[in-house]
Amino acid sequence: MAVKFQDYYQTLGVARTATAEEIKLGFRNLARIHHPDVAKNKVAGEAKFKEINEAYEVLGDPEKRRRYDELGAKWQDGPGAAPDHAFDGSHGPGGRPSAGGGFEYDGTGFSDFFESFFGGSPGGMRSAFEGRTEPRDVEADLLVTLEEALHGSSRKITLRRPGAKGAGERSDTYQVRIPAGIREGQRIRLAGQGDPGPGGSSAGAGDLYLRVRLARHPNFSVQGADLEYDLDLAPWEAVLGVRVNIPSLDGNSSLRVPPGTAAGVRLRLRGLGLPREGGVRGDLLATVRLCTPTPVSDDERALWKQLATISRFNPRTES
């Protein structure tokens, strides 16, 4: 069962030589258009948002990007699909067992390509090679948005299993509850829904585990239960102080920037992060970035020159 190659560079609209910053910018620009909260077509937006997230999950991670680029040398002679022998549904690159071992998933938020190439193998998972008689656990990644992690949700997941020798594949669909407060790396267990082994097993089936991966957000990065946000300010806003509206998972929130705020200062909005253990929420941390206006008009340039003349401030001598 061949797996279609995913061109992550094309998905993000960046060149293969793109820098890490260009990749991040490409993701953010697209995510702000297709995020389910703002997309005009919610269904299409959600699907596109998942594609963008998967691409950034790989290209935004130096090690994953290196592995992906190494794979690229093997498929460039083809018309955009990986060779059948590279992803046959039971082996990952180099002959290692893939996360699913012939299993495919719908509704996890990740493509079969991602699962085949980047899906991890849980501890103790047995391979699907001939001679195996025991049941085994099956694991897949589950893409969860920050909004789902905060409020909880329900997701329909379909698991397509390889049939026994001579039989067709079998599909099972589950309604999976994503509890509020779930964190990156946690696993949702569906007991007895794994692989029973060839021809069935008197020991029953293994379990199906869905490992949570938090979706990248166009506005926030995640540090534990805290959310980090880049707050862009004009120089005069930092000097004079300002009250700004910034996005949060609860809608827009008002933040007071005190006069004399320097670049790099982190301003805290308490209780607007993700849930910690025990249900208490983390914070939203806004890190100040000063933005230089460009271009400037002749009148603006004259005012800047006037300020430079009358100001006694010298950043190279101030402690």
C-alpha atoms as a PDB file:
ATOM      1  CA  MET A   1       0.000   0.000   0.000  1.00  0.00           C
ATOM      2  CA  ALA A   2       1.836   3.051  -1.296  1.00  0.00           C
ATOM      3  CA  VAL A   3       1.785   6.284   0.666  1.00  0.00           C
ATOM      4  CA  LYS A   4       1.620   9.584  -1.208  1.00  0.00           C
ATOM      5  CA  PHE A   5       4.560  11.896  -0.650  1.00  0.00           C
ATOM      6  CA  GLN A   6       3.780  15.255   0.973  1.00  0.00           C
ATOM      7  CA  ASP A   7       5.696  18.288  -0.331  1.00  0.00           C
ATOM      8  CA  TYR A   8       5.901  20.325   2.863  1.00  0.00           C
ATOM      9  CA  TYR A   9       7.822  23.178   1.226  1.00  0.00           C
ATOM     10  CA  GLN A  10       5.043  23.598  -1.303  1.00  0.00           C
ATOM     11  CA  THR A  11       2.442  23.443   1.458  1.00  0.00           C
ATOM     12  CA  LEU A  12       4.054  26.414   3.246  1.00  0.00           C
ATOM     13  CA  GLY A  13       4.871  28.232   0.017  1.00  0.00           C
ATOM     14  CA  VAL A  14       8.608  28.457   0.759  1.00  0.00           C
ATOM     15  CA  ALA A  15      11.745  27.456  -1.128  1.00  0.00           C
ATOM     16  CA  ARG A  16      13.749  24.388  -0.143  1.00  0.00           C
ATOM     17  CA  THR A  17      16.574  26.750   0.785  1.00  0.00           C
ATOM     18  CA  ALA A  18      14.308  28.752   3.120  1.00  0.00           C
ATOM     19  CA  THR A  19      15.737  29.819   6.464  1.00  0.00           C
ATOM     20  CA  ALA A  20      14.105  28.820   9.747  1.00  0.00           C
ATOM     21  CA  GLU A  21      12.679  32.343  10.047  1.00  0.00           C
ATOM     22  CA  GLU A  22      11.223  32.208   6.522  1.00  0.00           C
ATOM     23  CA  ILE A  23       9.593  28.857   7.303  1.00  0.00           C
ATOM     24  CA  LYS A  24       8.125  30.250  10.524  1.00  0.00           C
ATOM     25  CA  LEU A  25       6.814  33.311   8.704  1.00  0.00           C
ATOM     26  CA  GLY A  26       5.309  31.148   5.948  1.00  0.00           C
ATOM     27  CA  PHE A  27       3.485  29.063   8.535  1.00  0.00           C
ATOM     28  CA  ARG A  28       2.191  32.067  10.472  1.00  0.00           C
ATOM     29  CA  ASN A  29       0.927  33.881   7.387  1.00  0.00           C
ATOM     30  CA  LEU A  30      -1.033  30.835   6.205  1.00  0.00           C
ATOM     31  CA  ALA A  31      -2.202  29.817   9.677  1.00  0.00           C
ATOM     32  CA  ARG A  32      -3.706  33.243  10.301  1.00  0.00           C
ATOM     33  CA  ILE A  33      -5.822  32.767   7.174  1.00  0.00           C
ATOM     34  CA  HIS A  34      -6.859  29.149   7.667  1.00  0.00           C
ATOM     35  CA  HIS A  35      -7.132  28.829  11.458  1.00  0.00           C
ATOM     36  CA  PRO A  36     -10.610  27.358  12.137  1.00  0.00           C
ATOM     37  CA  ASP A  37     -11.519  30.353  14.310  1.00  0.00           C
ATOM     38  CA  VAL A  38     -11.091  32.834  11.450  1.00  0.00           C
ATOM     39  CA  ALA A  39     -11.480  30.843   8.215  1.00  0.00           C
ATOM     40  CA  LYS A  40     -14.545  31.789   6.158  1.00  0.00           C
ATOM     41  CA  ASN A  41     -15.108  28.131   5.276  1.00  0.00           C
ATOM     42  CA  LYS A  42     -14.659  26.268   8.575  1.00  0.00           C
ATOM     43  CA  VAL A  43     -14.432  22.770   7.067  1.00  0.00           C
ATOM     44  CA  ALA A  44     -11.941  23.713   4.356  1.00  0.00           C
ATOM     45  CA  GLY A  45     -10.040  25.924   6.799  1.00  0.00           C
ATOM     46  CA  GLU A  46      -9.674  23.123   9.334  1.00  0.00           C
ATOM     47  CA  ALA A  47      -8.347  20.723   6.689  1.00  0.00           C
ATOM     48  CA  LYS A  48      -5.859  23.300   5.377  1.00  0.00           C
ATOM     49  CA  PHE A  49      -4.803  24.239   8.913  1.00  0.00           C
ATOM     50  CA  LYS A  50      -3.938  20.589   9.596  1.00  0.00           C
ATOM     51  CA  GLU A  51      -1.844  20.419   6.409  1.00  0.00           C
ATOM     52  CA  ILE A  52       0.012  23.591   7.373  1.00  0.00           C
ATOM     53  CA  ASN A  53       0.626  22.308  10.884  1.00  0.00           C
ATOM     54  CA  GLU A  54       1.988  19.014   9.633  1.00  0.00           C
ATOM     55  CA  ALA A  55       4.359  20.812   7.279  1.00  0.00           C
ATOM     56  CA  TYR A  56       5.605  23.108  10.049  1.00  0.00           C
ATOM     57  CA  GLU A  57       5.876  20.196  12.482  1.00  0.00           C
ATOM     58  CA  VAL A  58       8.502  18.764  10.124  1.00  0.00           C
ATOM     59  CA  LEU A  59      10.195  21.811   8.582  1.00  0.00           C
ATOM     60  CA  GLY A  60      10.181  23.761  11.856  1.00  0.00           C
ATOM     61  CA  ASP A  61      12.187  21.024  13.579  1.00  0.00           C
ATOM     62  CA  PRO A  62      15.844  20.897  12.406  1.00  0.00           C
ATOM     63  CA  GLU A  63      16.194  17.137  12.905  1.00  0.00           C
ATOM     64  CA  LYS A  64      12.896  16.270  11.209  1.00  0.00           C
ATOM     65  CA  ARG A  65      13.728  18.644   8.375  1.00  0.00           C
ATOM     66  CA  ARG A  66      17.120  16.959   7.888  1.00  0.00           C
ATOM     67  CA  ARG A  67      15.497  13.528   7.682  1.00  0.00           C
ATOM     68  CA  TYR A  68      12.851  14.840   5.311  1.00  0.00           C
ATOM     69  CA  ASP A  69      15.451  16.450   3.035  1.00  0.00           C
ATOM     70  CA  GLU A  70      17.417  13.180   2.946  1.00  0.00           C
ATOM     71  CA  LEU A  71      14.271  11.435   1.767  1.00  0.00           C
ATOM     72  CA  GLY A  72      13.885  14.071  -0.935  1.00  0.00           C
ATOM     73  CA  ALA A  73      16.911  12.774  -2.794  1.00  0.00           C
ATOM     74  CA  LYS A  74      15.039   9.470  -3.293  1.00  0.00           C
ATOM     75  CA  TRP A  75      11.843  10.845  -4.777  1.00  0.00           C
ATOM     76  CA  GLN A  76      12.973  13.719  -6.991  1.00  0.00           C
ATOM     77  CA  ASP A  77      13.157  11.482 -10.049  1.00  0.00           C
ATOM     78  CA  GLY A  78       9.458  10.694  -9.676  1.00  0.00           C
ATOM     79  CA  PRO A  79       6.415  12.877 -10.442  1.00  0.00           C
ATOM     80  CA  GLY A  80       5.680  13.844  -6.841  1.00  0.00           C
ATOM     81  CA  ALA A  81       5.010  10.501  -5.222  1.00  0.00           C
ATOM     82  CA  ALA A  82       7.374   8.440  -3.097  1.00  0.00           C
ATOM     83  CA  PRO A  83       8.513   5.115  -4.568  1.00  0.00           C
ATOM     84  CA  ASP A  84       6.250   2.272  -3.487  1.00  0.00           C
ATOM     85  CA  HIS A  85       9.106   0.473  -1.775  1.00  0.00           C
ATOM     86  CA  ALA A  86       9.869   3.493   0.394  1.00  0.00           C
ATOM     87  CA  PHE A  87       6.502   3.453   2.172  1.00  0.00           C
ATOM     88  CA  ASP A  88       4.642   0.188   1.848  1.00  0.00           C
ATOM     89  CA  GLY A  89       2.485   0.699   4.921  1.00  0.00           C
ATOM     90  CA  SER A  90       4.416  -1.737   7.101  1.00  0.00           C
ATOM     91  CA  HIS A  91       7.933  -0.363   7.066  1.00  0.00           C
ATOM     92  CA  GLY A  92       9.393   3.054   7.555  1.00  0.00           C
ATOM     93  CA  PRO A  93      12.631   4.243   5.957  1.00  0.00           C
ATOM     94  CA  GLY A  94      15.522   1.841   6.324  1.00  0.00           C
ATOM     95  CA  GLY A  95      13.231  -1.128   6.937  1.00  0.00           C
ATOM     96  CA  ARG A  96      12.184  -0.192  10.489  1.00  0.00           C
ATOM     97  CA  PRO A  97       8.591  -0.973  11.522  1.00  0.00           C
ATOM     98  CA  SER A  98       6.378   2.079  11.174  1.00  0.00           C
ATOM     99  CA  ALA A  99       4.057   3.393  13.885  1.00  0.00           C
ATOM    100  CA  GLY A 100       1.096   1.610  12.399  1.00  0.00           C
ATOM    101  CA  GLY A 101       2.623  -1.508  10.831  1.00  0.00           C
ATOM    102  CA  GLY A 102       0.086  -1.482   7.974  1.00  0.00           C
ATOM    103  CA  PHE A 103      -2.501   0.512   9.898  1.00  0.00           C
ATOM    104  CA  GLU A 104      -3.887   3.768   8.517  1.00  0.00           C
ATOM    105  CA  TYR A 105      -5.768   6.513  10.318  1.00  0.00           C
ATOM    106  CA  ASP A 106      -8.362   9.146   9.482  1.00  0.00           C
ATOM    107  CA  GLY A 107      -9.204  12.005  11.807  1.00  0.00           C
ATOM    108  CA  THR A 108      -5.892  12.226  13.661  1.00  0.00           C
ATOM    109  CA  GLY A 109      -4.900  15.447  11.880  1.00  0.00           C
ATOM    110  CA  PHE A 110      -1.810  13.843  10.322  1.00  0.00           C
ATOM    111  CA  SER A 111      -1.384  12.225   6.910  1.00  0.00           C
ATOM    112  CA  ASP A 112      -0.389   8.614   6.302  1.00  0.00           C
ATOM    113  CA  PHE A 113       2.934   9.945   5.047  1.00  0.00           C
ATOM    114  CA  PHE A 114       3.655  11.628   8.387  1.00  0.00           C
ATOM    115  CA  GLU A 115       2.685   8.508  10.328  1.00  0.00           C
ATOM    116  CA  SER A 116       4.837   6.288   8.109  1.00  0.00           C
ATOM    117  CA  PHE A 117       7.914   8.476   8.200  1.00  0.00           C
ATOM    118  CA  PHE A 118       7.730  10.376  11.489  1.00  0.00           C
ATOM    119  CA  GLY A 119       5.383   8.333  13.666  1.00  0.00           C
ATOM    120  CA  GLY A 120       7.161   6.894  16.708  1.00  0.00           C
ATOM    121  CA  SER A 121       7.013   3.322  17.979  1.00  0.00           C
ATOM    122  CA  PRO A 122       5.845   2.880  21.580  1.00  0.00           C
ATOM    123  CA  GLY A 123       7.950   0.894  23.977  1.00  0.00           C
ATOM    124  CA  GLY A 124       7.407  -2.801  23.649  1.00  0.00           C
ATOM    125  CA  MET A 125       5.610  -2.619  20.313  1.00  0.00           C
ATOM    126  CA  ARG A 126       6.161  -5.816  18.375  1.00  0.00           C
ATOM    127  CA  SER A 127       6.702  -5.871  14.636  1.00  0.00           C
ATOM    128  CA  ALA A 128       4.129  -7.134  12.143  1.00  0.00           C
ATOM    129  CA  PHE A 129       6.484  -9.673  10.601  1.00  0.00           C
ATOM    130  CA  GLU A 130       5.539 -13.284   9.942  1.00  0.00           C
ATOM    131  CA  GLY A 131       5.858 -15.537  12.945  1.00  0.00           C
ATOM    132  CA  ARG A 132       4.403 -13.011  15.384  1.00  0.00           C
ATOM    133  CA  THR A 133       1.514 -14.524  17.317  1.00  0.00           C
ATOM    134  CA  GLU A 134       1.043 -12.117  20.222  1.00  0.00           C
ATOM    135  CA  PRO A 135      -1.253  -9.082  20.233  1.00  0.00           C
ATOM    136  CA  ARG A 136       0.397  -5.693  20.184  1.00  0.00           C
ATOM    137  CA  ASP A 137      -0.350  -2.093  20.944  1.00  0.00           C
ATOM    138  CA  VAL A 138      -0.846   0.365  18.091  1.00  0.00           C
ATOM    139  CA  GLU A 139       0.015   4.059  18.353  1.00  0.00           C
ATOM    140  CA  ALA A 140      -0.626   7.163  16.272  1.00  0.00           C
ATOM    141  CA  ASP A 141      -0.126  10.891  16.702  1.00  0.00           C
ATOM    142  CA  LEU A 142      -3.227  13.010  17.351  1.00  0.00           C
ATOM    143  CA  LEU A 143      -3.140  16.686  16.411  1.00  0.00           C
ATOM    144  CA  VAL A 144      -4.937  18.728  19.089  1.00  0.00           C
ATOM    145  CA  THR A 145      -5.468  22.480  18.814  1.00  0.00           C
ATOM    146  CA  LEU A 146      -4.770  24.722  21.795  1.00  0.00           C
ATOM    147  CA  GLU A 147      -8.487  25.495  21.945  1.00  0.00           C
ATOM    148  CA  GLU A 148      -9.246  21.763  22.225  1.00  0.00           C
ATOM    149  CA  ALA A 149      -6.580  21.358  24.902  1.00  0.00           C
ATOM    150  CA  LEU A 150      -8.183  24.174  26.886  1.00  0.00           C
ATOM    151  CA  HIS A 151     -11.852  23.284  26.539  1.00  0.00           C
ATOM    152  CA  GLY A 152     -11.797  19.594  25.566  1.00  0.00           C
ATOM    153  CA  SER A 153     -13.524  18.152  22.510  1.00  0.00           C
ATOM    154  CA  SER A 154     -14.648  14.987  20.777  1.00  0.00           C
ATOM    155  CA  ARG A 155     -13.025  13.589  17.659  1.00  0.00           C
ATOM    156  CA  LYS A 156     -14.037  10.826  15.268  1.00  0.00           C
ATOM    157  CA  ILE A 157     -11.063   8.564  14.504  1.00  0.00           C
ATOM    158  CA  THR A 158     -11.072   5.795  11.898  1.00  0.00           C
ATOM    159  CA  LEU A 159      -8.514   2.992  12.066  1.00  0.00           C
ATOM    160  CA  ARG A 160      -8.066   0.899   8.929  1.00  0.00           C
ATOM    161  CA  ARG A 161      -6.515  -2.443   9.768  1.00  0.00           C
ATOM    162  CA  PRO A 162      -4.797  -4.850   7.364  1.00  0.00           C
ATOM    163  CA  GLY A 163      -6.893  -8.000   6.945  1.00  0.00           C
ATOM    164  CA  ALA A 164      -5.670 -11.481   7.662  1.00  0.00           C
ATOM    165  CA  LYS A 165      -4.018 -13.337   4.799  1.00  0.00           C
ATOM    166  CA  GLY A 166      -6.491 -13.492   1.936  1.00  0.00           C
ATOM    167  CA  ALA A 167      -8.934 -11.081   3.583  1.00  0.00           C
ATOM    168  CA  GLY A 168      -9.613  -7.433   2.883  1.00  0.00           C
ATOM    169  CA  GLU A 169      -8.859  -4.580   5.243  1.00  0.00           C
ATOM    170  CA  ARG A 170     -11.196  -3.695   8.084  1.00  0.00           C
ATOM    171  CA  SER A 171     -12.151  -0.226   9.276  1.00  0.00           C
ATOM    172  CA  ASP A 172     -13.268   0.738  12.765  1.00  0.00           C
ATOM    173  CA  THR A 173     -14.449   4.207  13.779  1.00  0.00           C
ATOM    174  CA  TYR A 174     -14.265   5.545  17.333  1.00  0.00           C
ATOM    175  CA  GLN A 175     -15.609   8.656  18.995  1.00  0.00           C
ATOM    176  CA  VAL A 176     -12.605   9.795  21.027  1.00  0.00           C
ATOM    177  CA  ARG A 177     -13.015  12.219  23.916  1.00  0.00           C
ATOM    178  CA  ILE A 178     -10.181  14.721  24.272  1.00  0.00           C
ATOM    179  CA  PRO A 179     -10.310  15.861  27.907  1.00  0.00           C
ATOM    180  CA  ALA A 180      -9.850  19.524  28.827  1.00  0.00           C
ATOM    181  CA  GLY A 181      -6.331  20.157  30.107  1.00  0.00           C
ATOM    182  CA  ILE A 182      -4.621  17.458  28.060  1.00  0.00           C
ATOM    183  CA  ARG A 183      -0.923  18.150  27.477  1.00  0.00           C
ATOM    184  CA  GLU A 184       1.690  17.544  24.812  1.00  0.00           C
ATOM    185  CA  GLY A 185       2.874  13.928  24.801  1.00  0.00           C
ATOM    186  CA  GLN A 186      -0.005  12.508  26.826  1.00  0.00           C
ATOM    187  CA  ARG A 187      -1.673   9.436  25.380  1.00  0.00           C
ATOM    188  CA  ILE A 188      -5.351   8.603  25.074  1.00  0.00           C
ATOM    189  CA  ARG A 189      -5.885   4.864  25.499  1.00  0.00           C
ATOM    190  CA  LEU A 190      -8.543   2.846  23.740  1.00  0.00           C
ATOM    191  CA  ALA A 191      -8.347  -0.470  25.542  1.00  0.00           C
ATOM    192  CA  GLY A 192      -8.526  -3.602  23.411  1.00  0.00           C
ATOM    193  CA  GLN A 193      -8.611  -1.720  20.105  1.00  0.00           C
ATOM    194  CA  GLY A 194      -5.083  -2.551  18.998  1.00  0.00           C
ATOM    195  CA  ASP A 195      -3.763  -5.486  17.002  1.00  0.00           C
ATOM    196  CA  PRO A 196      -4.858  -9.008  18.026  1.00  0.00           C
ATOM    197  CA  GLY A 197      -2.072 -10.612  16.034  1.00  0.00           C
ATOM    198  CA  PRO A 198      -2.202 -12.731  12.876  1.00  0.00           C
ATOM    199  CA  GLY A 199      -5.424 -14.700  12.665  1.00  0.00           C
ATOM    200  CA  GLY A 200      -6.599 -13.400  16.023  1.00  0.00           C
ATOM    201  CA  SER A 201      -5.191 -14.264  19.423  1.00  0.00           C
ATOM    202  CA  SER A 202      -6.506 -16.041  22.472  1.00  0.00           C
ATOM    203  CA  ALA A 203      -4.758 -13.330  24.516  1.00  0.00           C
ATOM    204  CA  GLY A 204      -7.086 -10.685  23.070  1.00  0.00           C
ATOM    205  CA  ALA A 205      -6.026  -7.517  21.272  1.00  0.00           C
ATOM    206  CA  GLY A 206      -3.537  -4.877  22.280  1.00  0.00           C
ATOM    207  CA  ASP A 207      -4.513  -1.272  22.941  1.00  0.00           C
ATOM    208  CA  LEU A 208      -4.771   1.711  20.626  1.00  0.00           C
ATOM    209  CA  TYR A 209      -2.883   4.768  21.902  1.00  0.00           C
ATOM    210  CA  LEU A 210      -3.320   8.267  20.491  1.00  0.00           C
ATOM    211  CA  ARG A 211      -0.337  10.426  21.414  1.00  0.00           C
ATOM    212  CA  VAL A 212      -1.209  14.122  21.701  1.00  0.00           C
ATOM    213  CA  ARG A 213       0.691  16.646  19.609  1.00  0.00           C
ATOM    214  CA  LEU A 214      -0.335  20.245  20.216  1.00  0.00           C
ATOM    215  CA  ALA A 215      -0.976  22.089  16.966  1.00  0.00           C
ATOM    216  CA  ARG A 216       1.230  25.111  16.296  1.00  0.00           C
ATOM    217  CA  HIS A 217      -0.712  28.323  16.711  1.00  0.00           C
ATOM    218  CA  PRO A 218      -0.215  31.435  14.540  1.00  0.00           C
ATOM    219  CA  ASN A 219      -0.097  33.712  17.609  1.00  0.00           C
ATOM    220  CA  PHE A 220       1.286  31.672  20.490  1.00  0.00           C
ATOM    221  CA  SER A 221       4.077  29.284  21.356  1.00  0.00           C
ATOM    222  CA  VAL A 222       3.711  26.897  24.277  1.00  0.00           C
ATOM    223  CA  GLN A 223       6.028  26.644  27.276  1.00  0.00           C
ATOM    224  CA  GLY A 224       4.546  24.150  29.690  1.00  0.00           C
ATOM    225  CA  ALA A 225       1.169  25.613  30.635  1.00  0.00           C
ATOM    226  CA  ASP A 226       2.182  29.157  29.651  1.00  0.00           C
ATOM    227  CA  LEU A 227       1.519  30.745  26.279  1.00  0.00           C
ATOM    228  CA  GLU A 228       4.090  33.123  24.803  1.00  0.00           C
ATOM    229  CA  TYR A 229       3.146  35.972  22.489  1.00  0.00           C
ATOM    230  CA  ASP A 230       5.323  38.445  20.567  1.00  0.00           C
ATOM    231  CA  LEU A 231       4.024  41.951  21.280  1.00  0.00           C
ATOM    232  CA  ASP A 232       5.144  44.421  18.609  1.00  0.00           C
ATOM    233  CA  LEU A 233       5.306  48.051  19.771  1.00  0.00           C
ATOM    234  CA  ALA A 234       6.207  51.324  18.089  1.00  0.00           C
ATOM    235  CA  PRO A 235       9.060  53.190  19.830  1.00  0.00           C
ATOM    236  CA  TRP A 236       6.726  55.923  21.109  1.00  0.00           C
ATOM    237  CA  GLU A 237       4.349  53.304  22.560  1.00  0.00           C
ATOM    238  CA  ALA A 238       7.199  51.811  24.560  1.00  0.00           C
ATOM    239  CA  VAL A 239       8.358  55.241  25.761  1.00  0.00           C
ATOM    240  CA  LEU A 240       4.965  56.753  26.587  1.00  0.00           C
ATOM    241  CA  GLY A 241       3.087  53.608  27.556  1.00  0.00           C
ATOM    242  CA  VAL A 242      -0.049  52.297  25.884  1.00  0.00           C
ATOM    243  CA  ARG A 243      -2.998  49.982  26.397  1.00  0.00           C
ATOM    244  CA  VAL A 244      -3.270  47.331  23.683  1.00  0.00           C
ATOM    245  CA  ASN A 245      -5.632  44.508  22.831  1.00  0.00           C
ATOM    246  CA  ILE A 246      -3.900  41.186  22.291  1.00  0.00           C
ATOM    247  CA  PRO A 247      -5.385  37.839  21.288  1.00  0.00           C
ATOM    248  CA  SER A 248      -5.863  35.041  23.791  1.00  0.00           C
ATOM    249  CA  LEU A 249      -7.635  31.676  23.752  1.00  0.00           C
ATOM    250  CA  ASP A 250     -10.511  33.428  25.539  1.00  0.00           C
ATOM    251  CA  GLY A 251     -10.851  36.250  22.997  1.00  0.00           C
ATOM    252  CA  ASN A 252      -9.095  39.616  22.943  1.00  0.00           C
ATOM    253  CA  SER A 253      -7.609  40.791  26.238  1.00  0.00           C
ATOM    254  CA  SER A 254      -6.532  44.274  27.280  1.00  0.00           C
ATOM    255  CA  LEU A 255      -2.919  44.722  28.376  1.00  0.00           C
ATOM    256  CA  ARG A 256      -1.367  47.852  29.874  1.00  0.00           C
ATOM    257  CA  VAL A 257       2.177  48.580  28.712  1.00  0.00           C
ATOM    258  CA  PRO A 258       3.802  50.899  31.289  1.00  0.00           C
ATOM    259  CA  PRO A 259       5.865  53.911  30.170  1.00  0.00           C
ATOM    260  CA  GLY A 260       9.539  53.164  29.556  1.00  0.00           C
ATOM    261  CA  THR A 261       9.059  49.509  28.648  1.00  0.00           C
ATOM    262  CA  ALA A 262      12.193  48.082  27.027  1.00  0.00           C
ATOM    263  CA  ALA A 263      12.488  45.485  24.279  1.00  0.00           C
ATOM    264  CA  GLY A 264      12.536  41.951  25.673  1.00  0.00           C
ATOM    265  CA  VAL A 265      10.398  42.760  28.722  1.00  0.00           C
ATOM    266  CA  ARG A 266       7.753  40.096  29.382  1.00  0.00           C
ATOM    267  CA  LEU A 267       4.331  41.307  30.469  1.00  0.00           C
ATOM    268  CA  ARG A 268       2.114  38.753  32.189  1.00  0.00           C
ATOM    269  CA  LEU A 269      -1.615  38.160  31.873  1.00  0.00           C
ATOM    270  CA  ARG A 270      -2.380  35.686  34.629  1.00  0.00           C
ATOM    271  CA  GLY A 271      -4.674  32.728  34.097  1.00  0.00           C
ATOM    272  CA  LEU A 272      -4.885  32.982  30.305  1.00  0.00           C
ATOM    273  CA  GLY A 273      -2.639  30.033  29.505  1.00  0.00           C
ATOM    274  CA  LEU A 274      -3.338  26.295  29.331  1.00  0.00           C
ATOM    275  CA  PRO A 275      -4.524  24.218  32.304  1.00  0.00           C
ATOM    276  CA  ARG A 276      -1.894  22.900  34.700  1.00  0.00           C
ATOM    277  CA  GLU A 277      -2.325  19.734  36.715  1.00  0.00           C
ATOM    278  CA  GLY A 278      -5.090  20.424  39.176  1.00  0.00           C
ATOM    279  CA  GLY A 279      -6.949  22.658  36.726  1.00  0.00           C
ATOM    280  CA  VAL A 280      -5.214  25.975  37.509  1.00  0.00           C
ATOM    281  CA  ARG A 281      -4.333  27.733  34.272  1.00  0.00           C
ATOM    282  CA  GLY A 282      -0.943  29.025  33.282  1.00  0.00           C
ATOM    283  CA  ASP A 283      -0.270  32.569  32.104  1.00  0.00           C
ATOM    284  CA  LEU A 284      -0.068  34.464  28.827  1.00  0.00           C
ATOM    285  CA  LEU A 285       3.360  36.087  28.532  1.00  0.00           C
ATOM    286  CA  ALA A 286       3.737  38.944  26.065  1.00  0.00           C
ATOM    287  CA  THR A 287       7.357  39.645  25.079  1.00  0.00           C
ATOM    288  CA  VAL A 288       7.937  43.186  23.800  1.00  0.00           C
ATOM    289  CA  ARG A 289       9.536  43.682  20.397  1.00  0.00           C
ATOM    290  CA  LEU A 290      10.275  47.211  19.185  1.00  0.00           C
ATOM    291  CA  CYS A 291       9.473  47.865  15.554  1.00  0.00           C
ATOM    292  CA  THR A 292      11.122  50.625  13.550  1.00  0.00           C
ATOM    293  CA  PRO A 293       8.775  52.533  11.232  1.00  0.00           C
ATOM    294  CA  THR A 294       9.801  52.302   7.601  1.00  0.00           C
ATOM    295  CA  PRO A 295       9.509  54.038   5.266  1.00  0.00           C
ATOM    296  CA  VAL A 296       8.971  57.433   6.886  1.00  0.00           C
ATOM    297  CA  SER A 297       7.614  60.610   5.325  1.00  0.00           C
ATOM    298  CA  ASP A 298       9.589  63.843   5.161  1.00  0.00           C
ATOM    299  CA  ASP A 299       7.533  65.263   8.037  1.00  0.00           C
ATOM    300  CA  GLU A 300       8.165  62.193  10.154  1.00  0.00           C
ATOM    301  CA  ARG A 301      11.879  62.291   9.378  1.00  0.00           C
ATOM    302  CA  ALA A 302      12.004  65.944  10.466  1.00  0.00           C
ATOM    303  CA  LEU A 303      10.371  65.060  13.790  1.00  0.00           C
ATOM    304  CA  TRP A 304      12.809  62.193  14.374  1.00  0.00           C
ATOM    305  CA  LYS A 305      15.701  64.570  13.682  1.00  0.00           C
ATOM    306  CA  GLN A 306      14.235  67.061  16.146  1.00  0.00           C
ATOM    307  CA  LEU A 307      13.961  64.327  18.780  1.00  0.00           C
ATOM    308  CA  ALA A 308      17.569  63.254  18.132  1.00  0.00           C
ATOM    309  CA  THR A 309      18.684  66.850  18.655  1.00  0.00           C
ATOM    310  CA  ILE A 310      16.910  67.511  21.944  1.00  0.00           C
ATOM    311  CA  SER A 311      17.196  64.048  23.533  1.00  0.00           C
ATOM    312  CA  ARG A 312      20.092  63.342  25.891  1.00  0.00           C
ATOM    313  CA  PHE A 313      19.533  59.588  25.760  1.00  0.00           C
ATOM    314  CA  ASN A 314      22.469  57.481  24.536  1.00  0.00           C
ATOM    315  CA  PRO A 315      21.779  53.749  24.529  1.00  0.00           C
ATOM    316  CA  ARG A 316      25.492  52.918  24.349  1.00  0.00           C
ATOM    317  CA  THR A 317      26.294  54.658  27.599  1.00  0.00           C
ATOM    318  CA  GLU A 318      23.126  53.915  29.566  1.00  0.00           C
ATOM    319  CA  SER A 319      23.436  51.069  32.055  1.00  0.00           C
END
